[in-house]
Structures are given as C-alpha cells and as structure tokens.
C-alpha atoms as a PDB file:
ATOM      1  CA  MET A   1     -14.345   0.429   1.770  1.00  0.00           C
ATOM      2  CA  THR A   2     -14.364   1.902   5.449  1.00  0.00           C
ATOM      3  CA  VAL A   3     -13.739   1.103   8.757  1.00  0.00           C
ATOM      4  CA  PRO A   4     -16.317   2.353  11.499  1.00  0.00           C
ATOM      5  CA  ARG A   5     -13.826   4.456  13.734  1.00  0.00           C
ATOM      6  CA  ALA A   6     -14.653   2.589  17.025  1.00  0.00           C
ATOM      7  CA  GLU A   7     -13.829  -0.620  15.437  1.00  0.00           C
ATOM      8  CA  ALA A   8     -10.241   1.022  14.007  1.00  0.00           C
ATOM      9  CA  ALA A   9      -9.890   2.182  17.754  1.00  0.00           C
ATOM     10  CA  ALA A  10     -10.831  -1.114  19.346  1.00  0.00           C
ATOM     11  CA  ASN A  11      -7.822  -2.470  17.283  1.00  0.00           C
ATOM     12  CA  GLY A  12      -5.278  -0.159  18.669  1.00  0.00           C
ATOM     13  CA  VAL A  13      -5.216   2.246  15.303  1.00  0.00           C
ATOM     14  CA  PRO A  14      -4.160   5.497  16.569  1.00  0.00           C
ATOM     15  CA  GLU A  15      -6.697   8.533  15.964  1.00  0.00           C
ATOM     16  CA  ALA A  16      -5.005  10.015  12.646  1.00  0.00           C
ATOM     17  CA  ASP A  17      -4.700   6.622  11.351  1.00  0.00           C
ATOM     18  CA  ALA A  18      -8.377   5.189  12.324  1.00  0.00           C
ATOM     19  CA  ARG A  19      -9.787   8.679  10.460  1.00  0.00           C
ATOM     20  CA  VAL A  20      -8.558   7.637   7.294  1.00  0.00           C
ATOM     21  CA  LEU A  21     -10.037   4.379   7.559  1.00  0.00           C
ATOM     22  CA  ALA A  22     -12.997   5.580   8.343  1.00  0.00           C
ATOM     23  CA  GLU A  23     -13.579   8.558   6.534  1.00  0.00           C
ATOM     24  CA  VAL A  24     -11.657   8.084   3.442  1.00  0.00           C
ATOM     25  CA  GLY A  25     -11.382   4.326   3.332  1.00  0.00           C
ATOM     26  CA  LEU A  26      -9.384   1.956   0.622  1.00  0.00           C
ATOM     27  CA  PRO A  27     -10.292   0.772  -2.337  1.00  0.00           C
ATOM     28  CA  ALA A  28     -11.968  -2.770  -2.568  1.00  0.00           C
ATOM     29  CA  GLU A  29      -9.396  -3.582  -6.046  1.00  0.00           C
ATOM     30  CA  LEU A  30      -6.974  -1.646  -7.735  1.00  0.00           C
ATOM     31  CA  SER A  31      -5.499  -3.361 -10.765  1.00  0.00           C
ATOM     32  CA  VAL A  32      -2.793  -5.322  -9.795  1.00  0.00           C
ATOM     33  CA  VAL A  33      -1.648  -3.159  -6.535  1.00  0.00           C
ATOM     34  CA  PHE A  34      -4.144  -3.776  -4.191  1.00  0.00           C
ATOM     35  CA  SER A  35      -7.022  -5.969  -3.167  1.00  0.00           C
ATOM     36  CA  LEU A  36      -9.191  -5.800  -0.152  1.00  0.00           C
ATOM     37  CA  ALA A  37      -9.691  -9.681  -0.751  1.00  0.00           C
ATOM     38  CA  ALA A  38      -6.380 -10.865  -1.525  1.00  0.00           C
ATOM     39  CA  PRO A  39      -6.336 -14.586  -1.244  1.00  0.00           C
ATOM     40  CA  GLY A  40      -5.301 -16.541   1.957  1.00  0.00           C
ATOM     41  CA  GLU A  41      -4.641 -15.135   5.399  1.00  0.00           C
ATOM     42  CA  PRO A  42      -4.576 -12.944   7.030  1.00  0.00           C
ATOM     43  CA  GLU A  43      -7.679 -11.125   5.705  1.00  0.00           C
ATOM     44  CA  ALA A  44      -8.208  -6.919   5.821  1.00  0.00           C
ATOM     45  CA  PHE A  45      -9.095  -5.229   8.831  1.00  0.00           C
ATOM     46  CA  THR A  46      -7.446  -7.968  11.175  1.00  0.00           C
ATOM     47  CA  LEU A  47      -4.644  -7.641  13.317  1.00  0.00           C
ATOM     48  CA  VAL A  48      -1.570  -9.678  13.118  1.00  0.00           C
ATOM     49  CA  PRO A  49       1.404 -10.112  15.395  1.00  0.00           C
ATOM     50  CA  VAL A  50       5.002  -9.759  13.631  1.00  0.00           C
ATOM     51  CA  ASP A  51       8.036 -11.320  15.625  1.00  0.00           C
ATOM     52  CA  THR A  52      10.698  -8.886  14.721  1.00  0.00           C
ATOM     53  CA  GLY A  53      13.618 -11.038  16.431  1.00  0.00           C
ATOM     54  CA  ASP A  54      13.674  -8.178  19.111  1.00  0.00           C
ATOM     55  CA  SER A  55       9.916  -8.294  20.033  1.00  0.00           C
ATOM     56  CA  VAL A  56       6.329  -8.882  18.839  1.00  0.00           C
ATOM     57  CA  VAL A  57       4.884  -5.660  17.012  1.00  0.00           C
ATOM     58  CA  LYS A  58       1.108  -5.958  16.235  1.00  0.00           C
ATOM     59  CA  VAL A  59       0.259  -4.655  12.701  1.00  0.00           C
ATOM     60  CA  LEU A  60      -3.293  -4.048  11.090  1.00  0.00           C
ATOM     61  CA  CYS A  61      -3.910  -5.991   7.691  1.00  0.00           C
ATOM     62  CA  LEU A  62      -4.859  -3.586   4.834  1.00  0.00           C
ATOM     63  CA  GLY A  63      -4.989  -6.279   1.961  1.00  0.00           C
ATOM     64  CA  GLY A  64      -2.668  -7.353  -0.086  1.00  0.00           C
ATOM     65  CA  PRO A  65      -1.444  -7.003  -3.796  1.00  0.00           C
ATOM     66  CA  THR A  66      -4.518  -8.208  -6.381  1.00  0.00           C
ATOM     67  CA  GLY A  67      -4.536 -12.386  -6.269  1.00  0.00           C
ATOM     68  CA  ASN A  68      -1.012 -12.567  -4.253  1.00  0.00           C
ATOM     69  CA  ARG A  69      -1.209 -14.785  -1.203  1.00  0.00           C
ATOM     70  CA  GLU A  70       2.145 -14.244   0.017  1.00  0.00           C
ATOM     71  CA  MET A  71       1.882 -10.474   0.802  1.00  0.00           C
ATOM     72  CA  ARG A  72      -0.134  -8.440   3.111  1.00  0.00           C
ATOM     73  CA  TYR A  73      -0.148  -4.438   3.186  1.00  0.00           C
ATOM     74  CA  CYS A  74      -0.098  -4.044   6.928  1.00  0.00           C
ATOM     75  CA  LEU A  75      -0.256  -0.390   9.110  1.00  0.00           C
ATOM     76  CA  ASP A  76       2.643  -0.610  11.863  1.00  0.00           C
ATOM     77  CA  LEU A  77       0.110   0.592  14.705  1.00  0.00           C
ATOM     78  CA  GLU A  78       3.606   1.772  16.430  1.00  0.00           C
ATOM     79  CA  ASP A  79       5.405   3.862  13.655  1.00  0.00           C
ATOM     80  CA  GLY A  80       2.568   4.261  11.411  1.00  0.00           C
ATOM     81  CA  TYR A  81       4.395   3.188   8.592  1.00  0.00           C
ATOM     82  CA  VAL A  82       2.578   0.673   5.804  1.00  0.00           C
ATOM     83  CA  ILE A  83       4.818  -2.157   5.109  1.00  0.00           C
ATOM     84  CA  LEU A  84       4.460  -4.771   2.653  1.00  0.00           C
ATOM     85  CA  LEU A  85       4.819  -8.095   5.017  1.00  0.00           C
ATOM     86  CA  THR A  86       6.247 -11.145   2.783  1.00  0.00           C
ATOM     87  CA  LEU A  87       4.859 -13.922   4.341  1.00  0.00           C
ATOM     88  CA  GLY A  88       5.764 -18.135   3.908  1.00  0.00           C
ATOM     89  CA  GLU A  89       9.021 -19.949   4.478  1.00  0.00           C
ATOM     90  CA  GLN A  90      10.927 -16.292   3.933  1.00  0.00           C
ATOM     91  CA  PRO A  91       9.037 -13.994   5.909  1.00  0.00           C
ATOM     92  CA  GLY A  92      10.024 -10.305   5.254  1.00  0.00           C
ATOM     93  CA  ALA A  93       9.144  -6.668   5.563  1.00  0.00           C
ATOM     94  CA  GLU A  94       9.764  -3.450   3.534  1.00  0.00           C
ATOM     95  CA  ILE A  95       7.970   0.171   4.207  1.00  0.00           C
ATOM     96  CA  VAL A  96       5.633   0.798   1.233  1.00  0.00           C
ATOM     97  CA  ASN A  97       4.756   4.651   2.544  1.00  0.00           C
ATOM     98  CA  THR A  98       5.279   6.414   5.877  1.00  0.00           C
ATOM     99  CA  THR A  99       1.860   6.940   6.759  1.00  0.00           C
ATOM    100  CA  LEU A 100      -1.572   5.597   6.153  1.00  0.00           C
ATOM    101  CA  ASP A 101      -2.726   8.991   4.443  1.00  0.00           C
ATOM    102  CA  ASP A 102       0.409   8.511   1.763  1.00  0.00           C
ATOM    103  CA  PHE A 103      -1.011   5.068   0.925  1.00  0.00           C
ATOM    104  CA  VAL A 104      -4.029   5.771   0.328  1.00  0.00           C
ATOM    105  CA  GLU A 105      -3.365   8.831  -1.868  1.00  0.00           C
ATOM    106  CA  PHE A 106      -1.110   6.699  -4.016  1.00  0.00           C
ATOM    107  CA  LEU A 107      -3.356   3.955  -4.262  1.00  0.00           C
ATOM    108  CA  TYR A 108      -6.158   7.080  -5.294  1.00  0.00           C
ATOM    109  CA  ARG A 109      -3.542   8.462  -7.638  1.00  0.00           C
ATOM    110  CA  PHE A 110      -2.517   5.075  -9.415  1.00  0.00           C
ATOM    111  CA  GLY A 111      -6.448   4.418  -9.949  1.00  0.00           C
ATOM    112  CA  LEU A 112      -6.673   7.930 -11.491  1.00  0.00           C
ATOM    113  CA  ARG A 113      -3.675   7.086 -13.756  1.00  0.00           C
ATOM    114  CA  PHE A 114      -5.666   4.192 -15.484  1.00  0.00           C
ATOM    115  CA  GLY A 115      -8.295   6.150 -16.322  1.00  0.00           C
ATOM    116  CA  HIS A 116      -6.173   9.103 -18.051  1.00  0.00           C
ATOM    117  CA  VAL A 117      -3.878   6.932 -19.786  1.00  0.00           C
ATOM    118  CA  GLY A 118      -6.527   4.847 -21.390  1.00  0.00           C
ATOM    119  CA  ALA A 119      -7.790   7.798 -23.692  1.00  0.00           C
ATOM    120  CA  VAL A 120      -4.203   8.805 -24.678  1.00  0.00           C
ATOM    121  CA  GLY A 121      -1.346   7.280 -26.854  1.00  0.00           C
ATOM    122  CA  ASP A 122       1.846   5.792 -25.354  1.00  0.00           C
ATOM    123  CA  ARG A 123       4.089   8.479 -24.978  1.00  0.00           C
ATOM    124  CA  GLN A 124       1.338  10.817 -23.206  1.00  0.00           C
ATOM    125  CA  ALA A 125       1.417   7.962 -20.435  1.00  0.00           C
ATOM    126  CA  ASP A 126       4.682   7.251 -19.834  1.00  0.00           C
ATOM    127  CA  GLU A 127       5.027  11.377 -19.604  1.00  0.00           C
ATOM    128  CA  TYR A 128       2.030  11.419 -17.170  1.00  0.00           C
ATOM    129  CA  THR A 129       3.225   8.426 -15.790  1.00  0.00           C
ATOM    130  CA  GLU A 130       6.828  10.164 -15.021  1.00  0.00           C
ATOM    131  CA  GLN A 131       4.883  13.315 -13.832  1.00  0.00           C
ATOM    132  CA  LEU A 132       2.580  11.153 -11.732  1.00  0.00           C
ATOM    133  CA  ARG A 133       5.682   9.057  -9.963  1.00  0.00           C
ATOM    134  CA  ALA A 134       7.272  12.883  -9.125  1.00  0.00           C
ATOM    135  CA  TYR A 135       4.570  14.012  -7.629  1.00  0.00           C
ATOM    136  CA  LEU A 136       4.592  10.958  -5.341  1.00  0.00           C
ATOM    137  CA  GLU A 137       8.363  10.903  -4.916  1.00  0.00           C
ATOM    138  CA  ALA A 138       8.195  14.669  -3.448  1.00  0.00           C
ATOM    139  CA  ARG A 139       5.076  13.851  -1.579  1.00  0.00           C
ATOM    140  CA  ASP A 140       6.956  10.264   0.216  1.00  0.00           C
ATOM    141  CA  PRO A 141      10.283  10.155  -0.550  1.00  0.00           C
ATOM    142  CA  GLN A 142      10.707   6.807   1.830  1.00  0.00           C
ATOM    143  CA  ALA A 143       8.391   4.959  -1.100  1.00  0.00           C
ATOM    144  CA  PHE A 144      11.275   5.565  -3.590  1.00  0.00           C
ATOM    145  CA  ALA A 145      14.142   5.123  -1.998  1.00  0.00           C
ATOM    146  CA  GLU A 146      15.562   2.474  -3.194  1.00  0.00           C
ATOM    147  CA  GLU A 147      15.074   0.746  -6.743  1.00  0.00           C
ATOM    148  CA  ASP A 148      14.049  -2.565  -5.753  1.00  0.00           C
ATOM    149  CA  CYS A 149      11.200  -0.981  -3.349  1.00  0.00           C
ATOM    150  CA  TRP A 150       7.712  -1.734  -3.643  1.00  0.00           C
ATOM    151  CA  TRP A 151       6.781   1.380  -5.635  1.00  0.00           C
ATOM    152  CA  SER A 152       9.796   1.736  -8.030  1.00  0.00           C
ATOM    153  CA  MET A 153       8.987  -1.427  -8.974  1.00  0.00           C
ATOM    154  CA  VAL A 154       5.550  -0.754 -10.103  1.00  0.00           C
ATOM    155  CA  PHE A 155       6.263   2.474 -11.654  1.00  0.00           C
ATOM    156  CA  ASP A 156       8.863   0.793 -13.401  1.00  0.00           C
ATOM    157  CA  ARG A 157       6.778  -2.126 -15.076  1.00  0.00           C
ATOM    158  CA  LEU A 158       4.560   0.720 -16.041  1.00  0.00           C
ATOM    159  CA  LEU A 159       6.970   2.555 -17.818  1.00  0.00           C
ATOM    160  CA  GLY A 160       8.519  -0.731 -19.453  1.00  0.00           C
ATOM    161  CA  LYS A 161      12.005  -0.714 -17.453  1.00  0.00           C
ATOM    162  CA  GLU A 162      13.135  -3.977 -16.259  1.00  0.00           C
ATOM    163  CA  PHE A 163      13.991  -4.707 -12.987  1.00  0.00           C
END
C-alpha cells in the first residue's frame, strides 16, 4: 500500500520518508508483526499527537501488530524513528527502527523469510532466521539493542526462545 507523496507531505512527513511511503509503501498484512488494518484507533496514515511530558510531538500512524488494539507503529516526524506506541492505561513508546527505510526493509525481509522457511526443515529454517537476524542487526543495530525490544522478541519467538 502506498501513500500519495502530496498527502504524505501535507502531513509533515520529511521528503525521504514521503518517497518511501509513495514509491515503496507498506504491506497490507504481514503475519503477526504488521497490519495496516489493526483494530481500533488510530488508523494507518493518520497523524497522532503524543504528549511526551515535555512537549507534544506529532507522529504518523503506520499500522500495528496484527490484531492488536493496544499497539501502533508510528513514524516520529521530528526524529525519523519508527516507534512502537503502546496505547491504553499505561502508554509507552520504544524505538523499533532508526529510519522508515529500515522498518520497510525489516518487514520485507521478514515476509521473504516465511516463503523460504516453508520449504525447508527446522534446522535450515533456524539457520536462515539467524542469518536474517544478523543481516538486519548489522543494518540497524538499535533495533536489537535490548533483549526485550520489539525485534529481539520477534526473532526470539521465531527461534523458539523464551522471552
């Protein structure tokens, strides 16, 4: 799914990120980790004001984990980070990727992984998943900076590890 560049620019999306949204786009659905149609509010591609305590920052909602009402991926329009915003009684946010470009690459590679591991045994699937994690971690080390950060937990689950 793509967003017209003019619409992205009208929402204050920086030029490089507007290009990614207009020319590359986001998947409509990616098993478990991403959905443009996550239930509840806010909907994808809407601006969301977030009170940080020091100021109010505008972020662009990108979607959320599949079926999840409480979390949304958002693009921080000031810093360019993709964050995972936790909604509800105890709101919070964590950096998922340092750029929108990295986030889109992670989703793309994650989707390719499902196609690849469906045709191989468990050992080969784990090896492929470890190689994928190493590639993605080299690309965006911040995305794996903590054991309990989003992408670390996703890959731990893929590899059958407890978290």
